[in-house]
Amino acid sequence: MKRNPQTKIVVGDTAPVMKCRAIRRRKMGYEPDMDEWGVGVALVPNEKIDIKDMGAISQQRCTVTQADVQAAWSVMEVIIAEALANGHHVELGQLGTLSLGVRTKELKEPGEKIRATDVELGSVSFKPGVFLQKQLRRVTFKVDNDCLEPTDTASLADALYDYFADGAHEAINVKQFTRLCGYKETRARKLMKSYVADGLMEHIPYSRGYYRPTKGNFGW
């Protein structure tokens, strides 16, 4: 295995390794209560690889140049978009197939006719080919368990106490709170609203989504 100095991407035949991190997941079948969350994993993505990077790697592996790959791909982008827009399934060699779905804006009652204006585009689907599936089955995983954030009410309260201790911070917004508690933003917003409803936190007037503890809470 070697690292391409231009693209900073690991290339070679060694089995690939995906990095994961431990995160909180709500247990299926339970109400979204803080005490009913388990621990799962999420992918830690490596840096993005683009057409320029693939052109540089291709130039090392065969006779085409980086410029050739970029020029060919700029044409292929247009062809693929046009083909999908005209209802074609697009087979990307051994990688797989792209297809476009459609749906109605709302369901009709049996017997009602569907008009063209009732139809809208759905999502673009990708079905992996046999080659890609074989390559992905070679993947091994490395998990970081040390990044898991507080998982219960008590430890989250301690984290907030530390956040505001000794005047380290005067306020917190939802994005910062999301990072602190480890939840998705929707869940973090609901939790912050519950803190406000319980009188533990308050919204700072005229601020853009900033909150602070009420007197006597979280070290204030």
C-alpha atoms as a PDB file:
ATOM      1  CA  MET A   1       0.000   0.000   0.000  1.00  0.00           C
ATOM      2  CA  LYS A   2       1.245   3.494  -0.746  1.00  0.00           C
ATOM      3  CA  ARG A   3       0.049   7.034  -0.238  1.00  0.00           C
ATOM      4  CA  ASN A   4      -0.282   9.249  -3.279  1.00  0.00           C
ATOM      5  CA  PRO A   5       1.564  12.497  -2.340  1.00  0.00           C
ATOM      6  CA  GLN A   6      -0.597  14.594  -4.652  1.00  0.00           C
ATOM      7  CA  THR A   7      -4.010  13.358  -3.563  1.00  0.00           C
ATOM      8  CA  LYS A   8      -3.230  12.246   0.020  1.00  0.00           C
ATOM      9  CA  ILE A   9      -5.350   9.139  -0.588  1.00  0.00           C
ATOM     10  CA  VAL A  10      -4.267   5.628   0.313  1.00  0.00           C
ATOM     11  CA  VAL A  11      -4.191   3.430  -2.788  1.00  0.00           C
ATOM     12  CA  GLY A  12      -3.221  -0.195  -3.236  1.00  0.00           C
ATOM     13  CA  ASP A  13      -4.434  -3.772  -2.815  1.00  0.00           C
ATOM     14  CA  THR A  14      -4.353  -3.985   0.984  1.00  0.00           C
ATOM     15  CA  ALA A  15      -7.765  -4.612   2.565  1.00  0.00           C
ATOM     16  CA  PRO A  16      -9.346  -1.194   3.239  1.00  0.00           C
ATOM     17  CA  VAL A  17     -10.062   0.003   6.765  1.00  0.00           C
ATOM     18  CA  MET A  18     -13.049   2.164   7.734  1.00  0.00           C
ATOM     19  CA  LYS A  19     -12.863   4.267  10.883  1.00  0.00           C
ATOM     20  CA  CYS A  20     -16.001   4.419  13.054  1.00  0.00           C
ATOM     21  CA  ARG A  21     -16.929   6.207  16.253  1.00  0.00           C
ATOM     22  CA  ALA A  22     -19.299   5.178  19.014  1.00  0.00           C
ATOM     23  CA  ILE A  23     -22.495   7.237  19.087  1.00  0.00           C
ATOM     24  CA  ARG A  24     -25.824   7.174  20.877  1.00  0.00           C
ATOM     25  CA  ARG A  25     -28.715   5.409  19.156  1.00  0.00           C
ATOM     26  CA  ARG A  26     -32.318   5.247  20.352  1.00  0.00           C
ATOM     27  CA  LYS A  27     -33.414   1.679  21.049  1.00  0.00           C
ATOM     28  CA  MET A  28     -36.019   0.582  18.513  1.00  0.00           C
ATOM     29  CA  GLY A  29     -39.536   0.282  19.871  1.00  0.00           C
ATOM     30  CA  TYR A  30     -38.961   2.728  22.734  1.00  0.00           C
ATOM     31  CA  GLU A  31     -40.174   6.260  23.261  1.00  0.00           C
ATOM     32  CA  PRO A  32     -37.384   8.849  22.832  1.00  0.00           C
ATOM     33  CA  ASP A  33     -36.560   9.061  26.528  1.00  0.00           C
ATOM     34  CA  MET A  34     -32.970   9.784  27.478  1.00  0.00           C
ATOM     35  CA  ASP A  35     -32.699   6.608  29.569  1.00  0.00           C
ATOM     36  CA  GLU A  36     -33.647   4.370  26.638  1.00  0.00           C
ATOM     37  CA  TRP A  37     -30.714   4.985  24.331  1.00  0.00           C
ATOM     38  CA  GLY A  38     -28.121   2.434  23.343  1.00  0.00           C
ATOM     39  CA  VAL A  39     -24.702   2.755  21.769  1.00  0.00           C
ATOM     40  CA  GLY A  40     -24.069   2.259  18.055  1.00  0.00           C
ATOM     41  CA  VAL A  41     -21.500   3.442  15.536  1.00  0.00           C
ATOM     42  CA  ALA A  42     -21.184   6.026  12.780  1.00  0.00           C
ATOM     43  CA  LEU A  43     -18.640   6.262   9.999  1.00  0.00           C
ATOM     44  CA  VAL A  44     -15.784   8.740  10.390  1.00  0.00           C
ATOM     45  CA  PRO A  45     -15.345   9.796   6.745  1.00  0.00           C
ATOM     46  CA  ASN A  46     -11.921  10.291   5.255  1.00  0.00           C
ATOM     47  CA  GLU A  47     -11.213  13.344   3.130  1.00  0.00           C
ATOM     48  CA  LYS A  48     -13.285  13.603  -0.035  1.00  0.00           C
ATOM     49  CA  ILE A  49     -11.930  12.200  -3.288  1.00  0.00           C
ATOM     50  CA  ASP A  50     -12.934  14.040  -6.476  1.00  0.00           C
ATOM     51  CA  ILE A  51     -12.410  13.662 -10.232  1.00  0.00           C
ATOM     52  CA  LYS A  52      -9.068  15.474 -10.051  1.00  0.00           C
ATOM     53  CA  ASP A  53      -7.862  12.964  -7.455  1.00  0.00           C
ATOM     54  CA  MET A  54      -9.111   9.996  -9.474  1.00  0.00           C
ATOM     55  CA  GLY A  55      -7.404  11.404 -12.555  1.00  0.00           C
ATOM     56  CA  ALA A  56      -4.089  11.579 -10.683  1.00  0.00           C
ATOM     57  CA  ILE A  57      -4.445   7.977  -9.477  1.00  0.00           C
ATOM     58  CA  SER A  58      -5.512   6.772 -12.955  1.00  0.00           C
ATOM     59  CA  GLN A  59      -2.428   8.404 -14.454  1.00  0.00           C
ATOM     60  CA  GLN A  60      -0.284   6.271 -12.138  1.00  0.00           C
ATOM     61  CA  ARG A  61      -2.098   3.035 -12.987  1.00  0.00           C
ATOM     62  CA  CYS A  62      -2.572   3.239 -16.764  1.00  0.00           C
ATOM     63  CA  THR A  63      -1.652   5.271 -19.848  1.00  0.00           C
ATOM     64  CA  VAL A  64      -4.359   7.962 -19.591  1.00  0.00           C
ATOM     65  CA  THR A  65      -3.438  11.362 -18.197  1.00  0.00           C
ATOM     66  CA  GLN A  66      -5.134  13.271 -15.415  1.00  0.00           C
ATOM     67  CA  ALA A  67      -6.383  15.779 -17.997  1.00  0.00           C
ATOM     68  CA  ASP A  68      -7.871  12.947 -20.092  1.00  0.00           C
ATOM     69  CA  VAL A  69      -9.892  11.644 -17.146  1.00  0.00           C
ATOM     70  CA  GLN A  70     -11.195  15.098 -16.210  1.00  0.00           C
ATOM     71  CA  ALA A  71     -12.127  15.907 -19.808  1.00  0.00           C
ATOM     72  CA  ALA A  72     -13.926  12.582 -20.286  1.00  0.00           C
ATOM     73  CA  TRP A  73     -15.789  12.935 -16.999  1.00  0.00           C
ATOM     74  CA  SER A  74     -17.017  16.457 -17.809  1.00  0.00           C
ATOM     75  CA  VAL A  75     -18.744  14.949 -20.870  1.00  0.00           C
ATOM     76  CA  MET A  76     -20.026  11.912 -18.931  1.00  0.00           C
ATOM     77  CA  GLU A  77     -21.654  14.169 -16.325  1.00  0.00           C
ATOM     78  CA  VAL A  78     -23.830  15.711 -19.009  1.00  0.00           C
ATOM     79  CA  ILE A  79     -24.642  12.346 -20.615  1.00  0.00           C
ATOM     80  CA  ILE A  80     -25.619  10.768 -17.286  1.00  0.00           C
ATOM     81  CA  ALA A  81     -27.829  13.726 -16.305  1.00  0.00           C
ATOM     82  CA  GLU A  82     -29.561  13.726 -19.703  1.00  0.00           C
ATOM     83  CA  ALA A  83     -30.078   9.960 -19.612  1.00  0.00           C
ATOM     84  CA  LEU A  84     -31.650  10.035 -16.141  1.00  0.00           C
ATOM     85  CA  ALA A  85     -33.861  12.970 -17.115  1.00  0.00           C
ATOM     86  CA  ASN A  86     -35.145  10.924 -20.064  1.00  0.00           C
ATOM     87  CA  GLY A  87     -36.064   7.934 -17.906  1.00  0.00           C
ATOM     88  CA  HIS A  88     -33.050   5.725 -18.596  1.00  0.00           C
ATOM     89  CA  HIS A  89     -31.299   3.543 -16.052  1.00  0.00           C
ATOM     90  CA  VAL A  90     -27.591   4.322 -16.242  1.00  0.00           C
ATOM     91  CA  GLU A  91     -25.159   1.454 -15.749  1.00  0.00           C
ATOM     92  CA  LEU A  92     -21.797   2.680 -14.474  1.00  0.00           C
ATOM     93  CA  GLY A  93     -19.720  -0.282 -15.593  1.00  0.00           C
ATOM     94  CA  GLN A  94     -19.018  -2.716 -12.771  1.00  0.00           C
ATOM     95  CA  LEU A  95     -19.839  -0.163 -10.065  1.00  0.00           C
ATOM     96  CA  GLY A  96     -23.611  -0.342 -10.360  1.00  0.00           C
ATOM     97  CA  THR A  97     -26.678   1.338 -11.791  1.00  0.00           C
ATOM     98  CA  LEU A  98     -28.294   4.751 -11.287  1.00  0.00           C
ATOM     99  CA  SER A  99     -32.042   5.187 -11.672  1.00  0.00           C
ATOM    100  CA  LEU A 100     -34.546   7.945 -10.977  1.00  0.00           C
ATOM    101  CA  GLY A 101     -37.849   7.422  -9.176  1.00  0.00           C
ATOM    102  CA  VAL A 102     -41.140   9.338  -9.346  1.00  0.00           C
ATOM    103  CA  ARG A 103     -44.015   9.785  -6.913  1.00  0.00           C
ATOM    104  CA  THR A 104     -47.344  11.551  -6.604  1.00  0.00           C
ATOM    105  CA  LYS A 105     -47.523  14.707  -4.509  1.00  0.00           C
ATOM    106  CA  GLU A 106     -50.341  13.065  -2.549  1.00  0.00           C
ATOM    107  CA  LEU A 107     -52.126   9.734  -2.719  1.00  0.00           C
ATOM    108  CA  LYS A 108     -55.297   9.567  -4.771  1.00  0.00           C
ATOM    109  CA  GLU A 109     -58.465   7.703  -3.922  1.00  0.00           C
ATOM    110  CA  PRO A 110     -59.138   4.491  -5.886  1.00  0.00           C
ATOM    111  CA  GLY A 111     -60.741   5.402  -9.215  1.00  0.00           C
ATOM    112  CA  GLU A 112     -59.244   8.897  -9.371  1.00  0.00           C
ATOM    113  CA  LYS A 113     -57.101   9.720 -12.368  1.00  0.00           C
ATOM    114  CA  ILE A 114     -53.540  10.857 -11.853  1.00  0.00           C
ATOM    115  CA  ARG A 115     -52.662  13.933 -13.874  1.00  0.00           C
ATOM    116  CA  ALA A 116     -49.204  14.875 -15.056  1.00  0.00           C
ATOM    117  CA  THR A 117     -49.233  17.810 -12.633  1.00  0.00           C
ATOM    118  CA  ASP A 118     -49.690  15.351  -9.740  1.00  0.00           C
ATOM    119  CA  VAL A 119     -46.309  13.725 -10.417  1.00  0.00           C
ATOM    120  CA  GLU A 120     -42.975  14.869  -9.062  1.00  0.00           C
ATOM    121  CA  LEU A 121     -39.435  13.523  -9.096  1.00  0.00           C
ATOM    122  CA  GLY A 122     -38.391  11.162  -6.336  1.00  0.00           C
ATOM    123  CA  SER A 123     -34.834  10.312  -5.372  1.00  0.00           C
ATOM    124  CA  VAL A 124     -31.943   9.013  -7.428  1.00  0.00           C
ATOM    125  CA  SER A 125     -31.241   5.404  -6.486  1.00  0.00           C
ATOM    126  CA  PHE A 126     -27.954   3.559  -6.801  1.00  0.00           C
ATOM    127  CA  LYS A 127     -27.812  -0.242  -6.992  1.00  0.00           C
ATOM    128  CA  PRO A 128     -24.265  -1.497  -6.437  1.00  0.00           C
ATOM    129  CA  GLY A 129     -22.847  -3.988  -8.895  1.00  0.00           C
ATOM    130  CA  VAL A 130     -21.224  -7.325  -8.070  1.00  0.00           C
ATOM    131  CA  PHE A 131     -17.700  -5.891  -8.331  1.00  0.00           C
ATOM    132  CA  LEU A 132     -18.413  -3.078  -5.862  1.00  0.00           C
ATOM    133  CA  GLN A 133     -20.113  -5.457  -3.430  1.00  0.00           C
ATOM    134  CA  LYS A 134     -17.074  -7.752  -3.505  1.00  0.00           C
ATOM    135  CA  GLN A 135     -14.744  -4.833  -2.844  1.00  0.00           C
ATOM    136  CA  LEU A 136     -16.828  -3.607   0.086  1.00  0.00           C
ATOM    137  CA  ARG A 137     -16.892  -7.076   1.643  1.00  0.00           C
ATOM    138  CA  ARG A 138     -13.107  -6.739   2.057  1.00  0.00           C
ATOM    139  CA  VAL A 139     -13.509  -3.798   4.424  1.00  0.00           C
ATOM    140  CA  THR A 140     -12.374  -4.098   8.044  1.00  0.00           C
ATOM    141  CA  PHE A 141     -13.343  -1.652  10.788  1.00  0.00           C
ATOM    142  CA  LYS A 142     -11.581   0.346  13.480  1.00  0.00           C
ATOM    143  CA  VAL A 143     -13.792   1.807  16.234  1.00  0.00           C
ATOM    144  CA  ASP A 144     -13.115   4.799  18.504  1.00  0.00           C
ATOM    145  CA  ASN A 145     -15.009   4.259  21.765  1.00  0.00           C
ATOM    146  CA  ASP A 146     -13.474   7.253  23.561  1.00  0.00           C
ATOM    147  CA  CYS A 147     -15.536   9.908  21.747  1.00  0.00           C
ATOM    148  CA  LEU A 148     -18.922   8.906  23.186  1.00  0.00           C
ATOM    149  CA  GLU A 149     -20.588  11.882  24.845  1.00  0.00           C
ATOM    150  CA  PRO A 150     -22.695  11.813  28.053  1.00  0.00           C
ATOM    151  CA  THR A 151     -25.514   9.261  27.845  1.00  0.00           C
ATOM    152  CA  ASP A 152     -27.846  10.139  30.688  1.00  0.00           C
ATOM    153  CA  THR A 153     -29.382  13.107  32.449  1.00  0.00           C
ATOM    154  CA  ALA A 154     -26.851  13.200  35.271  1.00  0.00           C
ATOM    155  CA  SER A 155     -23.734  13.096  33.092  1.00  0.00           C
ATOM    156  CA  LEU A 156     -25.182  15.643  30.673  1.00  0.00           C
ATOM    157  CA  ALA A 157     -25.918  17.950  33.595  1.00  0.00           C
ATOM    158  CA  ASP A 158     -22.298  17.544  34.685  1.00  0.00           C
ATOM    159  CA  ALA A 159     -21.150  18.387  31.151  1.00  0.00           C
ATOM    160  CA  LEU A 160     -23.257  21.568  31.177  1.00  0.00           C
ATOM    161  CA  TYR A 161     -21.918  22.454  34.616  1.00  0.00           C
ATOM    162  CA  ASP A 162     -18.352  22.112  33.313  1.00  0.00           C
ATOM    163  CA  TYR A 163     -19.257  24.126  30.201  1.00  0.00           C
ATOM    164  CA  PHE A 164     -20.453  27.104  32.254  1.00  0.00           C
ATOM    165  CA  ALA A 165     -18.111  26.671  35.252  1.00  0.00           C
ATOM    166  CA  ASP A 166     -16.149  29.712  36.399  1.00  0.00           C
ATOM    167  CA  GLY A 167     -17.624  31.866  33.663  1.00  0.00           C
ATOM    168  CA  ALA A 168     -15.957  29.820  30.904  1.00  0.00           C
ATOM    169  CA  HIS A 169     -18.993  30.440  28.684  1.00  0.00           C
ATOM    170  CA  GLU A 170     -21.852  32.901  29.019  1.00  0.00           C
ATOM    171  CA  ALA A 171     -24.259  31.187  26.627  1.00  0.00           C
ATOM    172  CA  ILE A 172     -24.751  28.176  24.379  1.00  0.00           C
ATOM    173  CA  ASN A 173     -26.584  27.777  21.071  1.00  0.00           C
ATOM    174  CA  VAL A 174     -28.221  24.662  19.662  1.00  0.00           C
ATOM    175  CA  LYS A 175     -25.265  23.716  17.474  1.00  0.00           C
ATOM    176  CA  GLN A 176     -22.887  23.899  20.440  1.00  0.00           C
ATOM    177  CA  PHE A 177     -25.378  21.999  22.603  1.00  0.00           C
ATOM    178  CA  THR A 178     -25.656  19.309  19.910  1.00  0.00           C
ATOM    179  CA  ARG A 179     -21.897  18.747  20.021  1.00  0.00           C
ATOM    180  CA  LEU A 180     -21.941  18.701  23.808  1.00  0.00           C
ATOM    181  CA  CYS A 181     -24.706  16.130  24.249  1.00  0.00           C
ATOM    182  CA  GLY A 182     -23.948  14.015  21.188  1.00  0.00           C
ATOM    183  CA  TYR A 183     -27.535  13.963  19.924  1.00  0.00           C
ATOM    184  CA  LYS A 184     -28.810  14.837  16.479  1.00  0.00           C
ATOM    185  CA  GLU A 185     -29.917  18.462  16.194  1.00  0.00           C
ATOM    186  CA  THR A 186     -33.661  17.658  16.268  1.00  0.00           C
ATOM    187  CA  ARG A 187     -33.290  15.774  19.546  1.00  0.00           C
ATOM    188  CA  ALA A 188     -30.992  18.454  20.977  1.00  0.00           C
ATOM    189  CA  ARG A 189     -33.571  21.172  20.215  1.00  0.00           C
ATOM    190  CA  LYS A 190     -36.292  19.191  21.999  1.00  0.00           C
ATOM    191  CA  LEU A 191     -34.038  18.658  24.984  1.00  0.00           C
ATOM    192  CA  MET A 192     -33.157  22.353  25.179  1.00  0.00           C
ATOM    193  CA  LYS A 193     -36.865  23.232  25.030  1.00  0.00           C
ATOM    194  CA  SER A 194     -37.517  20.848  27.919  1.00  0.00           C
ATOM    195  CA  TYR A 195     -34.769  22.558  29.946  1.00  0.00           C
ATOM    196  CA  VAL A 196     -36.426  25.910  29.260  1.00  0.00           C
ATOM    197  CA  ALA A 197     -39.867  24.542  30.178  1.00  0.00           C
ATOM    198  CA  ASP A 198     -38.458  23.146  33.433  1.00  0.00           C
ATOM    199  CA  GLY A 199     -36.867  26.509  34.287  1.00  0.00           C
ATOM    200  CA  LEU A 200     -33.292  25.211  34.078  1.00  0.00           C
ATOM    201  CA  MET A 201     -32.328  27.305  31.033  1.00  0.00           C
ATOM    202  CA  GLU A 202     -33.638  30.497  29.455  1.00  0.00           C
ATOM    203  CA  HIS A 203     -33.482  32.010  25.990  1.00  0.00           C
ATOM    204  CA  ILE A 204     -31.430  35.191  25.885  1.00  0.00           C
ATOM    205  CA  PRO A 205     -33.691  37.989  24.600  1.00  0.00           C
ATOM    206  CA  TYR A 206     -32.822  39.435  21.173  1.00  0.00           C
ATOM    207  CA  SER A 207     -30.172  36.758  20.602  1.00  0.00           C
ATOM    208  CA  ARG A 208     -30.117  34.382  17.669  1.00  0.00           C
ATOM    209  CA  GLY A 209     -30.825  31.106  19.402  1.00  0.00           C
ATOM    210  CA  TYR A 210     -28.574  31.473  22.435  1.00  0.00           C
ATOM    211  CA  TYR A 211     -29.457  30.093  25.874  1.00  0.00           C
ATOM    212  CA  ARG A 212     -28.040  30.425  29.377  1.00  0.00           C
ATOM    213  CA  PRO A 213     -28.715  28.690  32.714  1.00  0.00           C
ATOM    214  CA  THR A 214     -31.177  30.223  35.113  1.00  0.00           C
ATOM    215  CA  LYS A 215     -29.863  31.272  38.529  1.00  0.00           C
ATOM    216  CA  GLY A 216     -28.789  28.311  40.638  1.00  0.00           C
ATOM    217  CA  ASN A 217     -28.492  25.853  37.741  1.00  0.00           C
ATOM    218  CA  PHE A 218     -25.401  24.428  36.050  1.00  0.00           C
ATOM    219  CA  GLY A 219     -22.993  26.433  38.169  1.00  0.00           C
ATOM    220  CA  TRP A 220     -24.721  29.834  37.787  1.00  0.00           C
END
